[in-house]
């Protein structure tokens, strides 16, 4: 399992959905480019796993007031066939 990464140490790739933490709240968000500036965005609950496309989907609402201290990658949900998710040594 991935651990939290300090924003001051490293940023996630742009437009990649991640967990975001600001010492008060945890949300699904992303670091986005909007009007030529990098801003954090929030999904405002409008985010989901699209099993057909095998990826997270949704829209982000950016604002300069979002100021997270940490982020962590989202996990990939289990597949329809759990045995395919096993990792064998």
PDB file of N, CA and C in Angstrom:
ATOM      1  N   UNK A   1       0.838  -1.178   0.000  1.00  0.00           N
ATOM      2  CA  UNK A   1       0.000   0.000   0.000  1.00  0.00           C
ATOM      3  C   UNK A   1       0.884   1.242   0.000  1.00  0.00           C
ATOM      4  N   UNK A   2       0.490   2.208  -0.744  1.00  0.00           N
ATOM      5  CA  UNK A   2       1.252   3.454  -0.842  1.00  0.00           C
ATOM      6  C   UNK A   2       1.061   4.293   0.413  1.00  0.00           C
ATOM      7  N   UNK A   3       2.059   5.098   0.708  1.00  0.00           N
ATOM      8  CA  UNK A   3       1.941   5.986   1.850  1.00  0.00           C
ATOM      9  C   UNK A   3       1.762   7.420   1.358  1.00  0.00           C
ATOM     10  N   UNK A   4       1.439   8.301   2.281  1.00  0.00           N
ATOM     11  CA  UNK A   4       1.234   9.702   1.963  1.00  0.00           C
ATOM     12  C   UNK A   4       2.550  10.358   1.575  1.00  0.00           C
ATOM     13  N   UNK A   5       2.490  11.256   0.616  1.00  0.00           N
ATOM     14  CA  UNK A   5       3.662  11.981   0.117  1.00  0.00           C
ATOM     15  C   UNK A   5       3.472  13.458   0.460  1.00  0.00           C
ATOM     16  N   UNK A   6       4.493  14.075   1.035  1.00  0.00           N
ATOM     17  CA  UNK A   6       4.424  15.508   1.310  1.00  0.00           C
ATOM     18  C   UNK A   6       4.448  16.282  -0.005  1.00  0.00           C
ATOM     19  N   UNK A   7       3.565  17.256  -0.128  1.00  0.00           N
ATOM     20  CA  UNK A   7       3.523  18.106  -1.321  1.00  0.00           C
ATOM     21  C   UNK A   7       4.861  18.823  -1.494  1.00  0.00           C
ATOM     22  N   UNK A   8       5.496  19.174  -0.387  1.00  0.00           N
ATOM     23  CA  UNK A   8       6.794  19.868  -0.462  1.00  0.00           C
ATOM     24  C   UNK A   8       7.908  18.961  -0.972  1.00  0.00           C
ATOM     25  N   UNK A   9       7.712  17.624  -0.874  1.00  0.00           N
ATOM     26  CA  UNK A   9       8.720  16.679  -1.361  1.00  0.00           C
ATOM     27  C   UNK A   9       8.540  16.313  -2.834  1.00  0.00           C
ATOM     28  N   UNK A  10       7.270  16.140  -3.223  1.00  0.00           N
ATOM     29  CA  UNK A  10       7.003  15.704  -4.604  1.00  0.00           C
ATOM     30  C   UNK A  10       5.532  15.938  -4.928  1.00  0.00           C
ATOM     31  N   UNK A  11       5.269  16.309  -6.167  1.00  0.00           N
ATOM     32  CA  UNK A  11       3.899  16.511  -6.632  1.00  0.00           C
ATOM     33  C   UNK A  11       3.463  15.326  -7.486  1.00  0.00           C
ATOM     34  N   UNK A  12       2.157  15.028  -7.516  1.00  0.00           N
ATOM     35  CA  UNK A  12       1.673  13.963  -8.397  1.00  0.00           C
ATOM     36  C   UNK A  12       1.677  14.443  -9.846  1.00  0.00           C
ATOM     37  N   UNK A  13       1.563  13.535 -10.802  1.00  0.00           N
ATOM     38  CA  UNK A  13       1.424  13.970 -12.202  1.00  0.00           C
ATOM     39  C   UNK A  13       0.167  14.834 -12.358  1.00  0.00           C
ATOM     40  N   UNK A  14       0.214  15.787 -13.259  1.00  0.00           N
ATOM     41  CA  UNK A  14      -0.948  16.639 -13.509  1.00  0.00           C
ATOM     42  C   UNK A  14      -2.143  15.813 -13.949  1.00  0.00           C
ATOM     43  N   UNK A  15      -3.314  16.207 -13.502  1.00  0.00           N
ATOM     44  CA  UNK A  15      -4.613  15.621 -13.862  1.00  0.00           C
ATOM     45  C   UNK A  15      -4.766  14.160 -13.462  1.00  0.00           C
ATOM     46  N   UNK A  16      -3.950  13.676 -12.553  1.00  0.00           N
ATOM     47  CA  UNK A  16      -4.083  12.309 -12.057  1.00  0.00           C
ATOM     48  C   UNK A  16      -4.833  12.331 -10.738  1.00  0.00           C
ATOM     49  N   UNK A  17      -5.903  11.553 -10.644  1.00  0.00           N
ATOM     50  CA  UNK A  17      -6.703  11.509  -9.426  1.00  0.00           C
ATOM     51  C   UNK A  17      -5.878  10.913  -8.287  1.00  0.00           C
ATOM     52  N   UNK A  18      -5.880  11.602  -7.150  1.00  0.00           N
ATOM     53  CA  UNK A  18      -5.154  11.161  -5.962  1.00  0.00           C
ATOM     54  C   UNK A  18      -5.979  11.514  -4.725  1.00  0.00           C
ATOM     55  N   UNK A  19      -5.648  10.879  -3.601  1.00  0.00           N
ATOM     56  CA  UNK A  19      -6.171  11.330  -2.322  1.00  0.00           C
ATOM     57  C   UNK A  19      -5.414  12.592  -1.957  1.00  0.00           C
ATOM     58  N   UNK A  20      -6.110  13.569  -1.394  1.00  0.00           N
ATOM     59  CA  UNK A  20      -5.497  14.837  -1.017  1.00  0.00           C
ATOM     60  C   UNK A  20      -5.862  15.118   0.440  1.00  0.00           C
ATOM     61  N   UNK A  21      -4.891  15.619   1.197  1.00  0.00           N
ATOM     62  CA  UNK A  21      -5.075  15.890   2.621  1.00  0.00           C
ATOM     63  C   UNK A  21      -4.574  17.286   2.952  1.00  0.00           C
ATOM     64  N   UNK A  22      -5.388  18.045   3.705  1.00  0.00           N
ATOM     65  CA  UNK A  22      -4.979  19.412   4.061  1.00  0.00           C
ATOM     66  C   UNK A  22      -4.985  19.664   5.568  1.00  0.00           C
ATOM     67  N   UNK A  23      -4.787  18.639   6.357  1.00  0.00           N
ATOM     68  CA  UNK A  23      -4.764  18.668   7.820  1.00  0.00           C
ATOM     69  C   UNK A  23      -6.141  18.866   8.441  1.00  0.00           C
ATOM     70  N   UNK A  24      -7.178  18.943   7.620  1.00  0.00           N
ATOM     71  CA  UNK A  24      -8.553  19.024   8.109  1.00  0.00           C
ATOM     72  C   UNK A  24      -9.427  18.020   7.359  1.00  0.00           C
ATOM     73  N   UNK A  25      -9.226  17.924   6.055  1.00  0.00           N
ATOM     74  CA  UNK A  25     -10.099  17.146   5.181  1.00  0.00           C
ATOM     75  C   UNK A  25      -9.279  16.251   4.258  1.00  0.00           C
ATOM     76  N   UNK A  26      -9.865  15.108   3.906  1.00  0.00           N
ATOM     77  CA  UNK A  26      -9.295  14.227   2.877  1.00  0.00           C
ATOM     78  C   UNK A  26     -10.318  14.161   1.745  1.00  0.00           C
ATOM     79  N   UNK A  27      -9.863  14.342   0.510  1.00  0.00           N
ATOM     80  CA  UNK A  27     -10.766  14.287  -0.631  1.00  0.00           C
ATOM     81  C   UNK A  27     -10.042  13.712  -1.842  1.00  0.00           C
ATOM     82  N   UNK A  28     -10.822  13.359  -2.875  1.00  0.00           N
ATOM     83  CA  UNK A  28     -10.255  12.950  -4.152  1.00  0.00           C
ATOM     84  C   UNK A  28     -10.061  14.218  -4.959  1.00  0.00           C
ATOM     85  N   UNK A  29      -8.834  14.428  -5.398  1.00  0.00           N
ATOM     86  CA  UNK A  29      -8.534  15.631  -6.150  1.00  0.00           C
ATOM     87  C   UNK A  29      -7.410  15.392  -7.134  1.00  0.00           C
ATOM     88  N   UNK A  30      -6.920  16.469  -7.723  1.00  0.00           N
ATOM     89  CA  UNK A  30      -5.833  16.382  -8.689  1.00  0.00           C
ATOM     90  C   UNK A  30      -5.152  17.739  -8.788  1.00  0.00           C
ATOM     91  N   UNK A  31      -3.911  17.702  -9.187  1.00  0.00           N
ATOM     92  CA  UNK A  31      -3.176  18.925  -9.495  1.00  0.00           C
ATOM     93  C   UNK A  31      -3.431  19.212 -10.971  1.00  0.00           C
ATOM     94  N   UNK A  32      -4.070  20.338 -11.257  1.00  0.00           N
ATOM     95  CA  UNK A  32      -4.506  20.648 -12.619  1.00  0.00           C
ATOM     96  C   UNK A  32      -3.903  21.971 -13.091  1.00  0.00           C
ATOM     97  N   UNK A  33      -3.807  22.114 -14.398  1.00  0.00           N
ATOM     98  CA  UNK A  33      -3.422  23.389 -15.001  1.00  0.00           C
ATOM     99  C   UNK A  33      -4.709  24.077 -15.435  1.00  0.00           C
ATOM    100  N   UNK A  34      -4.938  25.282 -14.930  1.00  0.00           N
ATOM    101  CA  UNK A  34      -6.122  26.044 -15.290  1.00  0.00           C
ATOM    102  C   UNK A  34      -5.698  27.479 -15.551  1.00  0.00           C
ATOM    103  N   UNK A  35      -6.002  27.985 -16.724  1.00  0.00           N
ATOM    104  CA  UNK A  35      -5.590  29.340 -17.133  1.00  0.00           C
ATOM    105  C   UNK A  35      -4.089  29.543 -16.982  1.00  0.00           C
ATOM    106  N   UNK A  36      -3.329  28.513 -17.326  1.00  0.00           N
ATOM    107  CA  UNK A  36      -1.869  28.605 -17.297  1.00  0.00           C
ATOM    108  C   UNK A  36      -1.239  28.478 -15.926  1.00  0.00           C
ATOM    109  N   UNK A  37      -2.040  28.235 -14.889  1.00  0.00           N
ATOM    110  CA  UNK A  37      -1.504  28.096 -13.543  1.00  0.00           C
ATOM    111  C   UNK A  37      -1.844  26.728 -12.966  1.00  0.00           C
ATOM    112  N   UNK A  38      -0.947  26.208 -12.139  1.00  0.00           N
ATOM    113  CA  UNK A  38      -1.201  24.941 -11.457  1.00  0.00           C
ATOM    114  C   UNK A  38      -2.054  25.212 -10.220  1.00  0.00           C
ATOM    115  N   UNK A  39      -3.176  24.537 -10.131  1.00  0.00           N
ATOM    116  CA  UNK A  39      -4.061  24.628  -8.972  1.00  0.00           C
ATOM    117  C   UNK A  39      -4.543  23.235  -8.610  1.00  0.00           C
ATOM    118  N   UNK A  40      -4.781  23.017  -7.330  1.00  0.00           N
ATOM    119  CA  UNK A  40      -5.381  21.771  -6.888  1.00  0.00           C
ATOM    120  C   UNK A  40      -6.866  21.829  -7.167  1.00  0.00           C
ATOM    121  N   UNK A  41      -7.427  20.684  -7.487  1.00  0.00           N
ATOM    122  CA  UNK A  41      -8.854  20.595  -7.738  1.00  0.00           C
ATOM    123  C   UNK A  41      -9.491  19.533  -6.875  1.00  0.00           C
ATOM    124  N   UNK A  42     -10.791  19.627  -6.750  1.00  0.00           N
ATOM    125  CA  UNK A  42     -11.562  18.634  -6.018  1.00  0.00           C
ATOM    126  C   UNK A  42     -12.623  18.048  -6.938  1.00  0.00           C
ATOM    127  N   UNK A  43     -12.954  16.786  -6.716  1.00  0.00           N
ATOM    128  CA  UNK A  43     -13.981  16.139  -7.527  1.00  0.00           C
ATOM    129  C   UNK A  43     -15.375  16.485  -7.026  1.00  0.00           C
ATOM    130  N   UNK A  44     -15.482  17.051  -5.853  1.00  0.00           N
ATOM    131  CA  UNK A  44     -16.750  17.388  -5.203  1.00  0.00           C
ATOM    132  C   UNK A  44     -17.717  16.214  -5.240  1.00  0.00           C
ATOM    133  N   UNK A  45     -17.178  15.012  -5.015  1.00  0.00           N
ATOM    134  CA  UNK A  45     -18.002  13.813  -4.963  1.00  0.00           C
ATOM    135  C   UNK A  45     -18.405  13.263  -6.314  1.00  0.00           C
ATOM    136  N   UNK A  46     -17.989  13.902  -7.391  1.00  0.00           N
ATOM    137  CA  UNK A  46     -18.364  13.472  -8.737  1.00  0.00           C
ATOM    138  C   UNK A  46     -17.200  12.724  -9.375  1.00  0.00           C
ATOM    139  N   UNK A  47     -16.874  11.562  -8.816  1.00  0.00           N
ATOM    140  CA  UNK A  47     -15.745  10.790  -9.315  1.00  0.00           C
ATOM    141  C   UNK A  47     -16.046   9.317  -9.152  1.00  0.00           C
ATOM    142  N   UNK A  48     -15.672   8.502 -10.102  1.00  0.00           N
ATOM    143  CA  UNK A  48     -16.008   7.084 -10.051  1.00  0.00           C
ATOM    144  C   UNK A  48     -14.993   6.256 -10.827  1.00  0.00           C
ATOM    145  N   UNK A  49     -15.005   4.953 -10.550  1.00  0.00           N
ATOM    146  CA  UNK A  49     -14.183   3.997 -11.274  1.00  0.00           C
ATOM    147  C   UNK A  49     -14.991   3.490 -12.453  1.00  0.00           C
ATOM    148  N   UNK A  50     -14.477   3.660 -13.673  1.00  0.00           N
ATOM    149  CA  UNK A  50     -15.134   3.167 -14.874  1.00  0.00           C
ATOM    150  C   UNK A  50     -14.501   1.826 -15.207  1.00  0.00           C
ATOM    151  N   UNK A  51     -15.195   0.742 -14.865  1.00  0.00           N
ATOM    152  CA  UNK A  51     -14.647  -0.610 -15.057  1.00  0.00           C
ATOM    153  C   UNK A  51     -14.458  -0.937 -16.533  1.00  0.00           C
ATOM    154  N   UNK A  52     -15.290  -0.389 -17.391  1.00  0.00           N
ATOM    155  CA  UNK A  52     -15.170  -0.658 -18.824  1.00  0.00           C
ATOM    156  C   UNK A  52     -13.871  -0.090 -19.384  1.00  0.00           C
ATOM    157  N   UNK A  53     -13.494   1.113 -18.923  1.00  0.00           N
ATOM    158  CA  UNK A  53     -12.268   1.763 -19.387  1.00  0.00           C
ATOM    159  C   UNK A  53     -11.082   1.500 -18.458  1.00  0.00           C
ATOM    160  N   UNK A  54     -11.358   0.842 -17.315  1.00  0.00           N
ATOM    161  CA  UNK A  54     -10.323   0.487 -16.351  1.00  0.00           C
ATOM    162  C   UNK A  54      -9.552   1.712 -15.849  1.00  0.00           C
ATOM    163  N   UNK A  55     -10.327   2.772 -15.493  1.00  0.00           N
ATOM    164  CA  UNK A  55      -9.684   3.988 -14.997  1.00  0.00           C
ATOM    165  C   UNK A  55     -10.681   4.823 -14.203  1.00  0.00           C
ATOM    166  N   UNK A  56     -10.132   5.742 -13.388  1.00  0.00           N
ATOM    167  CA  UNK A  56     -10.940   6.696 -12.643  1.00  0.00           C
ATOM    168  C   UNK A  56     -11.413   7.789 -13.599  1.00  0.00           C
ATOM    169  N   UNK A  57     -12.666   8.239 -13.423  1.00  0.00           N
ATOM    170  CA  UNK A  57     -13.221   9.284 -14.278  1.00  0.00           C
ATOM    171  C   UNK A  57     -13.939  10.319 -13.430  1.00  0.00           C
ATOM    172  N   UNK A  58     -13.983  11.514 -13.940  1.00  0.00           N
ATOM    173  CA  UNK A  58     -14.704  12.591 -13.274  1.00  0.00           C
ATOM    174  C   UNK A  58     -14.124  13.934 -13.664  1.00  0.00           C
ATOM    175  N   UNK A  59     -14.719  14.970 -13.162  1.00  0.00           N
ATOM    176  CA  UNK A  59     -14.271  16.331 -13.437  1.00  0.00           C
ATOM    177  C   UNK A  59     -13.751  16.954 -12.150  1.00  0.00           C
ATOM    178  N   UNK A  60     -12.760  17.814 -12.293  1.00  0.00           N
ATOM    179  CA  UNK A  60     -12.202  18.505 -11.145  1.00  0.00           C
ATOM    180  C   UNK A  60     -12.578  19.977 -11.190  1.00  0.00           C
ATOM    181  N   UNK A  61     -12.858  20.527 -10.032  1.00  0.00           N
ATOM    182  CA  UNK A  61     -13.140  21.948  -9.882  1.00  0.00           C
ATOM    183  C   UNK A  61     -11.944  22.550  -9.160  1.00  0.00           C
ATOM    184  N   UNK A  62     -11.186  23.376  -9.863  1.00  0.00           N
ATOM    185  CA  UNK A  62      -9.955  23.919  -9.293  1.00  0.00           C
ATOM    186  C   UNK A  62     -10.200  25.256  -8.603  1.00  0.00           C
ATOM    187  N   UNK A  63      -9.335  25.538  -7.643  1.00  0.00           N
ATOM    188  CA  UNK A  63      -9.392  26.823  -6.955  1.00  0.00           C
ATOM    189  C   UNK A  63      -8.079  27.028  -6.226  1.00  0.00           C
ATOM    190  N   UNK A  64      -7.622  28.248  -6.196  1.00  0.00           N
ATOM    191  CA  UNK A  64      -6.348  28.545  -5.555  1.00  0.00           C
ATOM    192  C   UNK A  64      -6.413  28.411  -4.033  1.00  0.00           C
ATOM    193  N   UNK A  65      -7.615  28.300  -3.467  1.00  0.00           N
ATOM    194  CA  UNK A  65      -7.732  28.174  -2.007  1.00  0.00           C
ATOM    195  C   UNK A  65      -7.423  26.762  -1.517  1.00  0.00           C
ATOM    196  N   UNK A  66      -7.434  25.754  -2.405  1.00  0.00           N
ATOM    197  CA  UNK A  66      -7.078  24.397  -1.984  1.00  0.00           C
ATOM    198  C   UNK A  66      -5.583  24.363  -1.759  1.00  0.00           C
ATOM    199  N   UNK A  67      -5.171  23.992  -0.568  1.00  0.00           N
ATOM    200  CA  UNK A  67      -3.763  24.037  -0.214  1.00  0.00           C
ATOM    201  C   UNK A  67      -3.371  22.782   0.568  1.00  0.00           C
ATOM    202  N   UNK A  68      -3.338  21.625  -0.088  1.00  0.00           N
ATOM    203  CA  UNK A  68      -3.041  20.387   0.630  1.00  0.00           C
ATOM    204  C   UNK A  68      -1.583  20.302   1.072  1.00  0.00           C
ATOM    205  N   UNK A  69      -1.381  19.505   2.113  1.00  0.00           N
ATOM    206  CA  UNK A  69      -0.027  19.260   2.608  1.00  0.00           C
ATOM    207  C   UNK A  69       0.510  17.913   2.134  1.00  0.00           C
ATOM    208  N   UNK A  70      -0.401  16.962   1.837  1.00  0.00           N
ATOM    209  CA  UNK A  70      -0.013  15.607   1.445  1.00  0.00           C
ATOM    210  C   UNK A  70      -0.952  15.078   0.356  1.00  0.00           C
ATOM    211  N   UNK A  71      -0.480  14.072  -0.366  1.00  0.00           N
ATOM    212  CA  UNK A  71      -1.300  13.367  -1.349  1.00  0.00           C
ATOM    213  C   UNK A  71      -0.888  11.888  -1.360  1.00  0.00           C
ATOM    214  N   UNK A  72      -1.779  11.025  -1.862  1.00  0.00           N
ATOM    215  CA  UNK A  72      -1.497   9.588  -1.976  1.00  0.00           C
ATOM    216  C   UNK A  72      -2.239   9.052  -3.198  1.00  0.00           C
ATOM    217  N   UNK A  73      -1.637   8.098  -3.906  1.00  0.00           N
ATOM    218  CA  UNK A  73      -2.298   7.537  -5.092  1.00  0.00           C
ATOM    219  C   UNK A  73      -3.584   6.793  -4.722  1.00  0.00           C
ATOM    220  N   UNK A  74      -4.552   6.814  -5.616  1.00  0.00           N
ATOM    221  CA  UNK A  74      -5.753   6.000  -5.447  1.00  0.00           C
ATOM    222  C   UNK A  74      -5.413   4.557  -5.789  1.00  0.00           C
ATOM    223  N   UNK A  75      -6.101   3.642  -5.157  1.00  0.00           N
ATOM    224  CA  UNK A  75      -5.869   2.236  -5.476  1.00  0.00           C
ATOM    225  C   UNK A  75      -6.758   1.813  -6.637  1.00  0.00           C
ATOM    226  N   UNK A  76      -6.368   0.765  -7.310  1.00  0.00           N
ATOM    227  CA  UNK A  76      -7.176   0.186  -8.368  1.00  0.00           C
ATOM    228  C   UNK A  76      -8.112  -0.834  -7.736  1.00  0.00           C
ATOM    229  N   UNK A  77      -9.414  -0.719  -7.970  1.00  0.00           N
ATOM    230  CA  UNK A  77     -10.357  -1.688  -7.384  1.00  0.00           C
ATOM    231  C   UNK A  77     -10.089  -3.099  -7.899  1.00  0.00           C
ATOM    232  N   UNK A  78     -10.554  -4.109  -7.166  1.00  0.00           N
ATOM    233  CA  UNK A  78     -10.368  -5.486  -7.629  1.00  0.00           C
ATOM    234  C   UNK A  78     -11.124  -5.719  -8.928  1.00  0.00           C
ATOM    235  N   UNK A  79     -10.636  -6.648  -9.704  1.00  0.00           N
ATOM    236  CA  UNK A  79     -11.304  -6.957 -10.971  1.00  0.00           C
ATOM    237  C   UNK A  79     -12.514  -7.840 -10.725  1.00  0.00           C
ATOM    238  N   UNK A  80     -13.246  -8.073 -11.780  1.00  0.00           N
ATOM    239  CA  UNK A  80     -14.420  -8.939 -11.715  1.00  0.00           C
ATOM    240  C   UNK A  80     -13.998 -10.370 -11.367  1.00  0.00           C
ATOM    241  N   UNK A  81     -12.753 -10.697 -11.702  1.00  0.00           N
ATOM    242  CA  UNK A  81     -12.223 -12.031 -11.450  1.00  0.00           C
ATOM    243  C   UNK A  81     -11.092 -11.922 -10.431  1.00  0.00           C
ATOM    244  N   UNK A  82     -11.411 -12.054  -9.117  1.00  0.00           N
ATOM    245  CA  UNK A  82     -10.404 -11.830  -8.071  1.00  0.00           C
ATOM    246  C   UNK A  82      -9.121 -12.628  -8.223  1.00  0.00           C
ATOM    247  N   UNK A  83      -9.182 -13.810  -8.772  1.00  0.00           N
ATOM    248  CA  UNK A  83      -7.957 -14.614  -8.910  1.00  0.00           C
ATOM    249  C   UNK A  83      -6.962 -13.933  -9.851  1.00  0.00           C
ATOM    250  N   UNK A  84      -7.452 -13.090 -10.743  1.00  0.00           N
ATOM    251  CA  UNK A  84      -6.565 -12.382 -11.663  1.00  0.00           C
ATOM    252  C   UNK A  84      -5.793 -11.265 -10.946  1.00  0.00           C
ATOM    253  N   UNK A  85      -6.248 -10.871  -9.758  1.00  0.00           N
ATOM    254  CA  UNK A  85      -5.600  -9.809  -9.014  1.00  0.00           C
ATOM    255  C   UNK A  85      -4.449 -10.308  -8.140  1.00  0.00           C
ATOM    256  N   UNK A  86      -4.333 -11.591  -7.981  1.00  0.00           N
ATOM    257  CA  UNK A  86      -3.284 -12.144  -7.133  1.00  0.00           C
ATOM    258  C   UNK A  86      -1.915 -11.944  -7.769  1.00  0.00           C
ATOM    259  N   UNK A  87      -0.974 -11.687  -6.921  1.00  0.00           N
ATOM    260  CA  UNK A  87       0.397 -11.558  -7.388  1.00  0.00           C
ATOM    261  C   UNK A  87       1.145 -12.793  -6.906  1.00  0.00           C
ATOM    262  N   UNK A  88       1.702 -13.521  -7.838  1.00  0.00           N
ATOM    263  CA  UNK A  88       2.419 -14.740  -7.479  1.00  0.00           C
ATOM    264  C   UNK A  88       3.920 -14.496  -7.529  1.00  0.00           C
ATOM    265  N   UNK A  89       4.631 -15.012  -6.520  1.00  0.00           N
ATOM    266  CA  UNK A  89       6.091 -14.811  -6.505  1.00  0.00           C
ATOM    267  C   UNK A  89       6.787 -15.562  -7.633  1.00  0.00           C
TER     268      UNK A  89
END
